Amino acid sequence: MVYGIGIVGFIAGFLAGQMLLYFMLRHKTKEELLSDPYLKWKYGGLNWLVALLGAYGSVQLYYEYIALS
């Protein structure tokens, strides 16, 4: 059960990271997004970090509220 909760949290975190990137990169042109390699590492890593935090948070919430009930 906890694996399913972790996967759902990871997917939710990944989607939240995508929304955050959409907000942060809305003023960049297509040329800037395609030509700047720094953007790929900086913002791509941010998205994966948010996804991992989503998975971790969902598992912690599962243990706090469901598993111990």
N, C-alpha and C. Protein backbone atom coordinates (compact mmCIF):
# COMPACT_ATOMS: atom_id res chain seq x y z
N MET A 1 0.81 -1.19 0.00
CA MET A 1 0.00 0.00 0.00
C MET A 1 0.87 1.27 0.00
N VAL A 2 1.94 1.20 0.78
CA VAL A 2 2.77 2.39 0.88
C VAL A 2 3.47 2.70 -0.45
N TYR A 3 3.74 1.66 -1.25
CA TYR A 3 4.37 1.89 -2.55
C TYR A 3 3.40 2.65 -3.47
N GLY A 4 2.15 2.28 -3.43
CA GLY A 4 1.14 2.97 -4.24
C GLY A 4 1.00 4.43 -3.82
N ILE A 5 1.01 4.68 -2.51
CA ILE A 5 0.94 6.04 -2.00
C ILE A 5 2.16 6.84 -2.44
N GLY A 6 3.33 6.21 -2.41
CA GLY A 6 4.56 6.88 -2.84
C GLY A 6 4.53 7.21 -4.32
N ILE A 7 4.01 6.30 -5.13
CA ILE A 7 3.93 6.57 -6.58
C ILE A 7 2.94 7.69 -6.87
N VAL A 8 1.81 7.67 -6.19
CA VAL A 8 0.83 8.74 -6.38
C VAL A 8 1.42 10.09 -5.95
N GLY A 9 2.13 10.10 -4.82
CA GLY A 9 2.79 11.33 -4.36
C GLY A 9 3.86 11.81 -5.32
N PHE A 10 4.60 10.87 -5.91
CA PHE A 10 5.63 11.23 -6.87
C PHE A 10 5.01 11.87 -8.11
N ILE A 11 3.94 11.27 -8.61
CA ILE A 11 3.27 11.82 -9.79
C ILE A 11 2.67 13.19 -9.48
N ALA A 12 2.06 13.33 -8.30
CA ALA A 12 1.50 14.62 -7.92
C ALA A 12 2.60 15.67 -7.76
N GLY A 13 3.72 15.27 -7.19
CA GLY A 13 4.85 16.19 -7.05
C GLY A 13 5.44 16.57 -8.39
N PHE A 14 5.49 15.62 -9.31
CA PHE A 14 6.00 15.91 -10.65
C PHE A 14 5.09 16.91 -11.35
N LEU A 15 3.79 16.72 -11.23
CA LEU A 15 2.85 17.67 -11.85
C LEU A 15 2.95 19.05 -11.19
N ALA A 16 3.12 19.07 -9.88
CA ALA A 16 3.30 20.35 -9.19
C ALA A 16 4.59 21.03 -9.65
N GLY A 17 5.64 20.24 -9.88
CA GLY A 17 6.89 20.80 -10.40
C GLY A 17 6.72 21.35 -11.80
N GLN A 18 5.94 20.68 -12.63
CA GLN A 18 5.67 21.18 -13.97
C GLN A 18 4.91 22.50 -13.93
N MET A 19 3.95 22.61 -13.02
CA MET A 19 3.21 23.87 -12.88
C MET A 19 4.13 24.98 -12.38
N LEU A 20 5.03 24.64 -11.47
CA LEU A 20 5.99 25.62 -10.97
C LEU A 20 6.92 26.09 -12.10
N LEU A 21 7.39 25.15 -12.92
CA LEU A 21 8.24 25.52 -14.05
C LEU A 21 7.50 26.38 -15.06
N TYR A 22 6.25 26.05 -15.31
CA TYR A 22 5.45 26.86 -16.23
C TYR A 22 5.35 28.30 -15.73
N PHE A 23 5.16 28.45 -14.44
CA PHE A 23 5.08 29.79 -13.85
C PHE A 23 6.42 30.51 -13.90
N MET A 24 7.51 29.80 -13.60
CA MET A 24 8.82 30.43 -13.53
C MET A 24 9.40 30.75 -14.91
N LEU A 25 9.05 29.98 -15.92
CA LEU A 25 9.65 30.15 -17.25
C LEU A 25 8.71 30.82 -18.25
N ARG A 26 7.65 31.42 -17.79
CA ARG A 26 6.67 31.99 -18.72
C ARG A 26 7.20 33.19 -19.49
N HIS A 27 8.24 33.85 -19.00
CA HIS A 27 8.77 35.03 -19.70
C HIS A 27 9.96 34.70 -20.60
N LYS A 28 10.36 33.46 -20.65
CA LYS A 28 11.48 33.06 -21.52
C LYS A 28 10.98 32.79 -22.93
N THR A 29 11.79 33.16 -23.90
CA THR A 29 11.43 32.89 -25.29
C THR A 29 11.80 31.45 -25.64
N LYS A 30 11.29 30.97 -26.76
CA LYS A 30 11.58 29.61 -27.19
C LYS A 30 13.07 29.44 -27.47
N GLU A 31 13.69 30.46 -28.05
CA GLU A 31 15.12 30.39 -28.35
C GLU A 31 15.95 30.28 -27.07
N GLU A 32 15.57 31.04 -26.03
CA GLU A 32 16.29 30.96 -24.76
C GLU A 32 16.14 29.57 -24.14
N LEU A 33 14.96 29.03 -24.19
CA LEU A 33 14.72 27.72 -23.59
C LEU A 33 15.50 26.62 -24.31
N LEU A 34 15.64 26.73 -25.62
CA LEU A 34 16.32 25.70 -26.38
C LEU A 34 17.83 25.85 -26.40
N SER A 35 18.36 27.05 -26.21
CA SER A 35 19.79 27.26 -26.37
C SER A 35 20.57 27.33 -25.06
N ASP A 36 19.94 27.58 -23.95
CA ASP A 36 20.66 27.75 -22.69
C ASP A 36 20.73 26.43 -21.93
N PRO A 37 21.91 25.79 -21.86
CA PRO A 37 21.99 24.50 -21.17
C PRO A 37 21.85 24.64 -19.65
N TYR A 38 22.13 25.81 -19.12
CA TYR A 38 22.00 26.02 -17.68
C TYR A 38 20.54 25.87 -17.23
N LEU A 39 19.62 26.29 -18.07
CA LEU A 39 18.20 26.17 -17.73
C LEU A 39 17.78 24.72 -17.57
N LYS A 40 18.34 23.84 -18.41
CA LYS A 40 17.97 22.43 -18.35
C LYS A 40 18.37 21.83 -17.00
N TRP A 41 19.57 22.10 -16.55
CA TRP A 41 20.04 21.51 -15.30
C TRP A 41 19.38 22.16 -14.10
N LYS A 42 19.26 23.48 -14.12
CA LYS A 42 18.70 24.17 -12.97
C LYS A 42 17.22 23.85 -12.79
N TYR A 43 16.44 24.06 -13.81
CA TYR A 43 15.00 23.88 -13.68
C TYR A 43 14.58 22.42 -13.80
N GLY A 44 15.32 21.63 -14.54
CA GLY A 44 15.03 20.20 -14.59
C GLY A 44 15.26 19.53 -13.24
N GLY A 45 16.33 19.89 -12.59
CA GLY A 45 16.61 19.37 -11.25
C GLY A 45 15.58 19.82 -10.24
N LEU A 46 15.09 21.03 -10.40
CA LEU A 46 14.05 21.53 -9.51
C LEU A 46 12.78 20.69 -9.63
N ASN A 47 12.44 20.32 -10.84
CA ASN A 47 11.24 19.51 -11.05
C ASN A 47 11.37 18.14 -10.38
N TRP A 48 12.51 17.50 -10.52
CA TRP A 48 12.70 16.20 -9.90
C TRP A 48 12.75 16.31 -8.38
N LEU A 49 13.29 17.41 -7.87
CA LEU A 49 13.32 17.62 -6.43
C LEU A 49 11.90 17.75 -5.88
N VAL A 50 11.05 18.50 -6.55
CA VAL A 50 9.67 18.65 -6.12
C VAL A 50 8.95 17.31 -6.20
N ALA A 51 9.23 16.51 -7.21
CA ALA A 51 8.61 15.19 -7.34
C ALA A 51 9.03 14.27 -6.18
N LEU A 52 10.30 14.28 -5.83
CA LEU A 52 10.77 13.45 -4.72
C LEU A 52 10.21 13.93 -3.39
N LEU A 53 10.10 15.24 -3.22
CA LEU A 53 9.48 15.76 -2.00
C LEU A 53 8.01 15.39 -1.92
N GLY A 54 7.33 15.35 -3.05
CA GLY A 54 5.94 14.92 -3.07
C GLY A 54 5.79 13.47 -2.65
N ALA A 55 6.68 12.61 -3.13
CA ALA A 55 6.66 11.20 -2.75
C ALA A 55 6.96 11.04 -1.26
N TYR A 56 7.97 11.73 -0.80
CA TYR A 56 8.34 11.64 0.61
C TYR A 56 7.21 12.15 1.51
N GLY A 57 6.63 13.27 1.12
CA GLY A 57 5.55 13.84 1.92
C GLY A 57 4.32 12.95 1.96
N SER A 58 3.99 12.34 0.84
CA SER A 58 2.82 11.48 0.83
C SER A 58 3.04 10.22 1.66
N VAL A 59 4.23 9.67 1.65
CA VAL A 59 4.52 8.50 2.47
C VAL A 59 4.49 8.87 3.95
N GLN A 60 5.03 10.03 4.30
CA GLN A 60 4.99 10.46 5.69
C GLN A 60 3.55 10.70 6.16
N LEU A 61 2.74 11.29 5.31
CA LEU A 61 1.33 11.48 5.66
C LEU A 61 0.62 10.15 5.80
N TYR A 62 0.95 9.19 4.96
CA TYR A 62 0.37 7.86 5.05
C TYR A 62 0.69 7.23 6.41
N TYR A 63 1.95 7.28 6.80
CA TYR A 63 2.33 6.69 8.09
C TYR A 63 1.70 7.44 9.26
N GLU A 64 1.56 8.74 9.14
CA GLU A 64 1.03 9.54 10.24
C GLU A 64 -0.48 9.33 10.42
N TYR A 65 -1.23 9.29 9.34
CA TYR A 65 -2.68 9.31 9.46
C TYR A 65 -3.37 7.98 9.16
N ILE A 66 -2.79 7.13 8.33
CA ILE A 66 -3.49 5.92 7.92
C ILE A 66 -2.89 4.67 8.58
N ALA A 67 -1.59 4.52 8.53
CA ALA A 67 -0.97 3.29 9.01
C ALA A 67 -1.06 3.17 10.53
N LEU A 68 -1.06 4.26 11.23
CA LEU A 68 -1.09 4.20 12.69
C LEU A 68 -2.50 4.26 13.27
N SER A 69 -3.49 4.36 12.42
CA SER A 69 -4.87 4.44 12.91
C SER A 69 -5.38 3.11 13.41
